[in-house]
Amino acid sequence: MSNVIKLESPLNYFHGSFNKSSAPERLFNDQIDCDLVIKEAPLSAHLNLRGNADDSHFCSAVAKVLAVALPLQPGTYQRNANTSIYWLGPSEWLIVQEGGDAAAIEARLRESLEGHISIVDVSGGQTCINLRGVAVATVLKKSSIYDFEGWAAATPNSGRVAQTPFAKASAAVSNRSDGSYDLVIRRSFADYLAQWLLDAGAEFGVRIEQG
């Protein structure tokens, strides 16, 4: 008997779901044009990091381990390849590495960092989804009171992030250089937010894809 445990992402059972209010029920989603595409990132490493932003050794050590500069300005994030670091507060950041190994990342950070720090693996409680398509701006307006229109386009490796109420839940929302948006959400709200977005995007056509 096999003891292998199959890991499933929070939105595993929503992959392939679609909704378009004007589409005949007999059509499959790959036959329908959708103006909002929701893609869940693969199982990823999510780490909450705390430390002293005024400590140059701390900042340089994080950058060396992750190959990403630590964002020091409120409401910003830095990204390189599949790794992002989000500013959450003056001494707090969220590290997200798509497909990453949280334990390995934590071990490397602890080997390099000194002084009073905190590293907490929160991978099991969160997931990341990406929203793209011409309907993104409208759906964001439906879902949050935050004014995303004021954000300038992100540069390739940096952009804006806001922790905001989202569809009566909460999310850390960030903009990407390709015009799409990433949402880091709690696992416990994943089903609810998936259903919300399927409903909010129905007038445009919306589908959920596997990352």
C-alpha atoms as a PDB file:
ATOM      1  CA  MET A   1       0.000   0.000   0.000  1.00  0.00           C
ATOM      2  CA  SER A   2       1.377   3.370  -0.980  1.00  0.00           C
ATOM      3  CA  ASN A   3       1.769   6.060   1.681  1.00  0.00           C
ATOM      4  CA  VAL A   4       2.388   8.836  -0.831  1.00  0.00           C
ATOM      5  CA  ILE A   5       0.431  11.989   0.048  1.00  0.00           C
ATOM      6  CA  LYS A   6      -0.863  13.992  -2.895  1.00  0.00           C
ATOM      7  CA  LEU A   7      -0.513  17.726  -2.320  1.00  0.00           C
ATOM      8  CA  GLU A   8      -3.313  19.855  -3.704  1.00  0.00           C
ATOM      9  CA  SER A   9      -3.375  23.625  -4.055  1.00  0.00           C
ATOM     10  CA  PRO A  10      -6.207  25.570  -2.370  1.00  0.00           C
ATOM     11  CA  LEU A  11      -7.997  26.120  -5.705  1.00  0.00           C
ATOM     12  CA  ASN A  12      -7.324  22.646  -7.089  1.00  0.00           C
ATOM     13  CA  TYR A  13     -11.010  21.847  -7.563  1.00  0.00           C
ATOM     14  CA  PHE A  14     -11.672  25.177  -9.305  1.00  0.00           C
ATOM     15  CA  HIS A  15      -9.110  24.669 -12.070  1.00  0.00           C
ATOM     16  CA  GLY A  16     -10.992  24.647 -15.361  1.00  0.00           C
ATOM     17  CA  SER A  17     -14.019  26.483 -13.944  1.00  0.00           C
ATOM     18  CA  PHE A  18     -15.497  29.251 -16.079  1.00  0.00           C
ATOM     19  CA  ASN A  19     -18.475  31.544 -16.134  1.00  0.00           C
ATOM     20  CA  LYS A  20     -19.970  33.742 -18.824  1.00  0.00           C
ATOM     21  CA  SER A  21     -23.490  34.975 -18.298  1.00  0.00           C
ATOM     22  CA  SER A  22     -24.320  35.115 -22.009  1.00  0.00           C
ATOM     23  CA  ALA A  23     -22.732  31.789 -23.015  1.00  0.00           C
ATOM     24  CA  PRO A  24     -24.876  28.769 -23.879  1.00  0.00           C
ATOM     25  CA  GLU A  25     -24.406  26.033 -21.275  1.00  0.00           C
ATOM     26  CA  ARG A  26     -23.489  23.491 -23.949  1.00  0.00           C
ATOM     27  CA  LEU A  27     -20.220  25.272 -24.819  1.00  0.00           C
ATOM     28  CA  PHE A  28     -16.987  24.285 -23.150  1.00  0.00           C
ATOM     29  CA  ASN A  29     -14.707  26.913 -21.641  1.00  0.00           C
ATOM     30  CA  ASP A  30     -12.035  26.531 -24.325  1.00  0.00           C
ATOM     31  CA  GLN A  31     -14.616  27.646 -26.879  1.00  0.00           C
ATOM     32  CA  ILE A  32     -15.455  30.845 -25.025  1.00  0.00           C
ATOM     33  CA  ASP A  33     -13.416  34.043 -25.060  1.00  0.00           C
ATOM     34  CA  CYS A  34     -12.799  35.240 -21.512  1.00  0.00           C
ATOM     35  CA  ASP A  35     -11.752  38.777 -20.614  1.00  0.00           C
ATOM     36  CA  LEU A  36     -10.653  37.746 -17.106  1.00  0.00           C
ATOM     37  CA  VAL A  37      -8.275  34.864 -16.502  1.00  0.00           C
ATOM     38  CA  ILE A  38      -7.452  33.723 -12.972  1.00  0.00           C
ATOM     39  CA  LYS A  39      -4.346  31.597 -12.632  1.00  0.00           C
ATOM     40  CA  GLU A  40      -3.250  30.040  -9.359  1.00  0.00           C
ATOM     41  CA  ALA A  41       0.484  29.868  -8.756  1.00  0.00           C
ATOM     42  CA  PRO A  42       1.959  26.400  -8.151  1.00  0.00           C
ATOM     43  CA  LEU A  43       2.438  25.318  -4.543  1.00  0.00           C
ATOM     44  CA  SER A  44       4.858  27.935  -3.281  1.00  0.00           C
ATOM     45  CA  ALA A  45       6.988  29.023  -0.351  1.00  0.00           C
ATOM     46  CA  HIS A  46       5.487  31.830   1.737  1.00  0.00           C
ATOM     47  CA  LEU A  47       7.666  33.206   4.553  1.00  0.00           C
ATOM     48  CA  ASN A  48       6.991  36.083   6.921  1.00  0.00           C
ATOM     49  CA  LEU A  49      10.242  37.894   7.698  1.00  0.00           C
ATOM     50  CA  ARG A  50      10.908  40.454  10.438  1.00  0.00           C
ATOM     51  CA  GLY A  51      14.122  42.371  11.002  1.00  0.00           C
ATOM     52  CA  ASN A  52      15.761  45.775  11.208  1.00  0.00           C
ATOM     53  CA  ALA A  53      15.467  47.684   7.938  1.00  0.00           C
ATOM     54  CA  ASP A  54      18.152  50.113   9.130  1.00  0.00           C
ATOM     55  CA  ASP A  55      20.692  47.291   9.454  1.00  0.00           C
ATOM     56  CA  SER A  56      22.689  47.234   6.225  1.00  0.00           C
ATOM     57  CA  HIS A  57      23.996  43.726   6.944  1.00  0.00           C
ATOM     58  CA  PHE A  58      20.437  42.431   7.334  1.00  0.00           C
ATOM     59  CA  CYS A  59      19.327  44.002   4.053  1.00  0.00           C
ATOM     60  CA  SER A  60      22.367  42.848   2.083  1.00  0.00           C
ATOM     61  CA  ALA A  61      22.192  39.303   3.500  1.00  0.00           C
ATOM     62  CA  VAL A  62      18.536  38.930   2.472  1.00  0.00           C
ATOM     63  CA  ALA A  63      19.343  40.230  -1.003  1.00  0.00           C
ATOM     64  CA  LYS A  64      22.262  37.815  -1.333  1.00  0.00           C
ATOM     65  CA  VAL A  65      20.228  34.761  -0.280  1.00  0.00           C
ATOM     66  CA  LEU A  66      17.154  35.535  -2.386  1.00  0.00           C
ATOM     67  CA  ALA A  67      18.723  37.507  -5.247  1.00  0.00           C
ATOM     68  CA  VAL A  68      16.056  40.140  -4.597  1.00  0.00           C
ATOM     69  CA  ALA A  69      16.556  43.539  -2.967  1.00  0.00           C
ATOM     70  CA  LEU A  70      14.592  44.077   0.227  1.00  0.00           C
ATOM     71  CA  PRO A  71      11.891  46.731  -0.438  1.00  0.00           C
ATOM     72  CA  LEU A  72      12.243  49.551   2.082  1.00  0.00           C
ATOM     73  CA  GLN A  73       9.509  51.934   0.902  1.00  0.00           C
ATOM     74  CA  PRO A  74       5.932  51.506   2.179  1.00  0.00           C
ATOM     75  CA  GLY A  75       3.566  49.830  -0.254  1.00  0.00           C
ATOM     76  CA  THR A  76       6.256  48.459  -2.579  1.00  0.00           C
ATOM     77  CA  TYR A  77       7.644  45.080  -3.573  1.00  0.00           C
ATOM     78  CA  GLN A  78      10.657  43.692  -5.413  1.00  0.00           C
ATOM     79  CA  ARG A  79      10.680  40.683  -7.755  1.00  0.00           C
ATOM     80  CA  ASN A  80      13.290  38.614  -9.532  1.00  0.00           C
ATOM     81  CA  ALA A  81      12.352  35.530 -11.585  1.00  0.00           C
ATOM     82  CA  ASN A  82       9.943  33.500  -9.385  1.00  0.00           C
ATOM     83  CA  THR A  83      10.706  35.284  -6.097  1.00  0.00           C
ATOM     84  CA  SER A  84       8.902  38.337  -4.705  1.00  0.00           C
ATOM     85  CA  ILE A  85       9.375  40.266  -1.469  1.00  0.00           C
ATOM     86  CA  TYR A  86       6.433  42.412  -0.332  1.00  0.00           C
ATOM     87  CA  TRP A  87       6.690  45.297   2.143  1.00  0.00           C
ATOM     88  CA  LEU A  88       4.159  44.718   4.944  1.00  0.00           C
ATOM     89  CA  GLY A  89       5.464  47.166   7.531  1.00  0.00           C
ATOM     90  CA  PRO A  90       8.609  49.062   8.644  1.00  0.00           C
ATOM     91  CA  SER A  91      10.163  45.817   9.909  1.00  0.00           C
ATOM     92  CA  GLU A  92       8.047  43.138   8.212  1.00  0.00           C
ATOM     93  CA  TRP A  93       8.059  41.527   4.766  1.00  0.00           C
ATOM     94  CA  LEU A  94       6.418  38.632   2.966  1.00  0.00           C
ATOM     95  CA  ILE A  95       8.615  36.418   0.805  1.00  0.00           C
ATOM     96  CA  VAL A  96       6.855  34.389  -1.901  1.00  0.00           C
ATOM     97  CA  GLN A  97       8.772  31.998  -4.121  1.00  0.00           C
ATOM     98  CA  GLU A  98       6.645  30.144  -6.666  1.00  0.00           C
ATOM     99  CA  GLY A  99       7.391  26.430  -6.489  1.00  0.00           C
ATOM    100  CA  GLY A 100       9.978  27.100  -3.762  1.00  0.00           C
ATOM    101  CA  ASP A 101      11.003  25.030  -0.742  1.00  0.00           C
ATOM    102  CA  ALA A 102      10.140  27.062   2.359  1.00  0.00           C
ATOM    103  CA  ALA A 103      12.318  25.001   4.703  1.00  0.00           C
ATOM    104  CA  ALA A 104      15.369  25.385   2.471  1.00  0.00           C
ATOM    105  CA  ILE A 105      14.854  29.141   2.090  1.00  0.00           C
ATOM    106  CA  GLU A 106      14.409  29.560   5.855  1.00  0.00           C
ATOM    107  CA  ALA A 107      17.577  27.568   6.542  1.00  0.00           C
ATOM    108  CA  ARG A 108      19.633  29.718   4.157  1.00  0.00           C
ATOM    109  CA  LEU A 109      18.284  32.922   5.680  1.00  0.00           C
ATOM    110  CA  ARG A 110      19.014  31.798   9.235  1.00  0.00           C
ATOM    111  CA  GLU A 111      22.572  30.907   8.259  1.00  0.00           C
ATOM    112  CA  SER A 112      23.124  34.394   6.852  1.00  0.00           C
ATOM    113  CA  LEU A 113      21.195  36.650   9.224  1.00  0.00           C
ATOM    114  CA  GLU A 114      22.256  37.841  12.678  1.00  0.00           C
ATOM    115  CA  GLY A 115      20.622  39.674  15.548  1.00  0.00           C
ATOM    116  CA  HIS A 116      16.925  39.868  16.348  1.00  0.00           C
ATOM    117  CA  ILE A 117      15.037  38.373  13.427  1.00  0.00           C
ATOM    118  CA  SER A 118      11.893  36.318  12.920  1.00  0.00           C
ATOM    119  CA  ILE A 119      11.186  33.921  10.063  1.00  0.00           C
ATOM    120  CA  VAL A 120       7.827  32.132  10.001  1.00  0.00           C
ATOM    121  CA  ASP A 121       6.724  29.634   7.361  1.00  0.00           C
ATOM    122  CA  VAL A 122       3.149  30.564   6.430  1.00  0.00           C
ATOM    123  CA  SER A 123       3.026  28.526   3.220  1.00  0.00           C
ATOM    124  CA  GLY A 124       0.214  26.264   4.411  1.00  0.00           C
ATOM    125  CA  GLY A 125      -2.100  29.183   5.107  1.00  0.00           C
ATOM    126  CA  GLN A 126      -1.796  31.157   1.874  1.00  0.00           C
ATOM    127  CA  THR A 127      -1.919  30.945  -1.886  1.00  0.00           C
ATOM    128  CA  CYS A 128      -1.198  33.348  -4.737  1.00  0.00           C
ATOM    129  CA  ILE A 129      -3.376  33.977  -7.776  1.00  0.00           C
ATOM    130  CA  ASN A 130      -2.854  36.168 -10.821  1.00  0.00           C
ATOM    131  CA  LEU A 131      -5.614  38.178 -12.499  1.00  0.00           C
ATOM    132  CA  ARG A 132      -5.166  39.210 -16.138  1.00  0.00           C
ATOM    133  CA  GLY A 133      -7.290  40.366 -19.041  1.00  0.00           C
ATOM    134  CA  VAL A 134      -9.093  43.501 -20.208  1.00  0.00           C
ATOM    135  CA  ALA A 135     -11.687  43.179 -17.437  1.00  0.00           C
ATOM    136  CA  VAL A 136      -9.185  43.236 -14.570  1.00  0.00           C
ATOM    137  CA  ALA A 137      -9.632  46.930 -13.702  1.00  0.00           C
ATOM    138  CA  THR A 138     -13.426  46.627 -13.537  1.00  0.00           C
ATOM    139  CA  VAL A 139     -13.339  43.473 -11.422  1.00  0.00           C
ATOM    140  CA  LEU A 140     -10.883  45.089  -9.012  1.00  0.00           C
ATOM    141  CA  LYS A 141     -13.302  48.012  -8.604  1.00  0.00           C
ATOM    142  CA  LYS A 142     -16.099  45.550  -7.828  1.00  0.00           C
ATOM    143  CA  SER A 143     -13.997  43.698  -5.293  1.00  0.00           C
ATOM    144  CA  SER A 144     -12.151  46.389  -3.332  1.00  0.00           C
ATOM    145  CA  ILE A 145     -12.506  49.972  -2.160  1.00  0.00           C
ATOM    146  CA  TYR A 146      -8.818  50.588  -2.864  1.00  0.00           C
ATOM    147  CA  ASP A 147      -8.034  52.927  -5.762  1.00  0.00           C
ATOM    148  CA  PHE A 148      -5.757  50.848  -7.978  1.00  0.00           C
ATOM    149  CA  GLU A 149      -6.086  53.327 -10.843  1.00  0.00           C
ATOM    150  CA  GLY A 150      -3.584  55.584  -9.128  1.00  0.00           C
ATOM    151  CA  TRP A 151      -0.821  53.012  -9.513  1.00  0.00           C
ATOM    152  CA  ALA A 152       1.772  53.615 -12.187  1.00  0.00           C
ATOM    153  CA  ALA A 153       2.784  50.626 -14.304  1.00  0.00           C
ATOM    154  CA  ALA A 154       5.265  48.399 -12.515  1.00  0.00           C
ATOM    155  CA  THR A 155       8.863  48.260 -13.636  1.00  0.00           C
ATOM    156  CA  PRO A 156      10.085  44.751 -14.527  1.00  0.00           C
ATOM    157  CA  ASN A 157      11.385  44.003 -11.006  1.00  0.00           C
ATOM    158  CA  SER A 158       9.348  46.246  -8.718  1.00  0.00           C
ATOM    159  CA  GLY A 159       5.900  47.701  -8.208  1.00  0.00           C
ATOM    160  CA  ARG A 160       3.158  48.551  -5.736  1.00  0.00           C
ATOM    161  CA  VAL A 161       1.442  46.366  -3.147  1.00  0.00           C
ATOM    162  CA  ALA A 162      -1.528  47.075  -0.886  1.00  0.00           C
ATOM    163  CA  GLN A 163      -3.036  45.046   1.919  1.00  0.00           C
ATOM    164  CA  THR A 164      -6.720  45.700   1.484  1.00  0.00           C
ATOM    165  CA  PRO A 165     -10.205  44.285   2.076  1.00  0.00           C
ATOM    166  CA  PHE A 166     -11.145  42.271  -0.975  1.00  0.00           C
ATOM    167  CA  ALA A 167     -14.670  40.919  -1.530  1.00  0.00           C
ATOM    168  CA  LYS A 168     -15.270  41.027   2.263  1.00  0.00           C
ATOM    169  CA  ALA A 169     -12.108  38.994   2.773  1.00  0.00           C
ATOM    170  CA  SER A 170      -8.567  40.379   2.519  1.00  0.00           C
ATOM    171  CA  ALA A 171      -5.645  40.225   0.115  1.00  0.00           C
ATOM    172  CA  ALA A 172      -2.221  41.644  -0.592  1.00  0.00           C
ATOM    173  CA  VAL A 173      -2.648  42.981  -4.122  1.00  0.00           C
ATOM    174  CA  SER A 174       0.330  43.878  -6.325  1.00  0.00           C
ATOM    175  CA  ASN A 175       0.694  45.074  -9.908  1.00  0.00           C
ATOM    176  CA  ARG A 176       2.986  43.459 -12.456  1.00  0.00           C
ATOM    177  CA  SER A 177       4.771  44.972 -15.437  1.00  0.00           C
ATOM    178  CA  ASP A 178       2.556  43.042 -17.897  1.00  0.00           C
ATOM    179  CA  GLY A 179      -0.592  44.776 -16.592  1.00  0.00           C
ATOM    180  CA  SER A 180      -1.809  41.820 -14.524  1.00  0.00           C
ATOM    181  CA  TYR A 181      -2.245  41.703 -10.749  1.00  0.00           C
ATOM    182  CA  ASP A 182      -1.121  39.182  -8.140  1.00  0.00           C
ATOM    183  CA  LEU A 183      -3.226  38.482  -5.074  1.00  0.00           C
ATOM    184  CA  VAL A 184      -1.851  36.746  -1.998  1.00  0.00           C
ATOM    185  CA  ILE A 185      -4.855  35.388  -0.116  1.00  0.00           C
ATOM    186  CA  ARG A 186      -5.493  33.194   2.894  1.00  0.00           C
ATOM    187  CA  ARG A 187      -6.161  29.549   2.177  1.00  0.00           C
ATOM    188  CA  SER A 188      -9.319  29.636   4.297  1.00  0.00           C
ATOM    189  CA  PHE A 189     -10.827  32.257   1.950  1.00  0.00           C
ATOM    190  CA  ALA A 190      -9.685  30.642  -1.307  1.00  0.00           C
ATOM    191  CA  ASP A 191     -12.977  28.882  -2.143  1.00  0.00           C
ATOM    192  CA  TYR A 192     -15.019  31.966  -1.292  1.00  0.00           C
ATOM    193  CA  LEU A 193     -12.845  34.293  -3.378  1.00  0.00           C
ATOM    194  CA  ALA A 194     -12.837  31.880  -6.324  1.00  0.00           C
ATOM    195  CA  GLN A 195     -16.630  31.850  -6.342  1.00  0.00           C
ATOM    196  CA  TRP A 196     -16.727  35.633  -5.907  1.00  0.00           C
ATOM    197  CA  LEU A 197     -14.430  36.217  -8.888  1.00  0.00           C
ATOM    198  CA  LEU A 198     -16.322  33.733 -11.049  1.00  0.00           C
ATOM    199  CA  ASP A 199     -19.484  35.706 -10.329  1.00  0.00           C
ATOM    200  CA  ALA A 200     -17.878  39.166 -10.609  1.00  0.00           C
ATOM    201  CA  GLY A 201     -16.390  38.316 -13.991  1.00  0.00           C
ATOM    202  CA  ALA A 202     -19.411  36.546 -15.456  1.00  0.00           C
ATOM    203  CA  GLU A 203     -20.453  39.495 -17.633  1.00  0.00           C
ATOM    204  CA  PHE A 204     -17.033  39.479 -19.322  1.00  0.00           C
ATOM    205  CA  GLY A 205     -16.278  35.778 -19.323  1.00  0.00           C
ATOM    206  CA  VAL A 206     -13.956  34.392 -16.654  1.00  0.00           C
ATOM    207  CA  ARG A 207     -12.045  31.164 -16.157  1.00  0.00           C
ATOM    208  CA  ILE A 208      -9.680  29.730 -13.558  1.00  0.00           C
ATOM    209  CA  GLU A 209      -6.513  28.049 -14.741  1.00  0.00           C
ATOM    210  CA  GLN A 210      -3.868  25.951 -13.073  1.00  0.00           C
ATOM    211  CA  GLY A 211      -0.508  27.667 -12.732  1.00  0.00           C
END
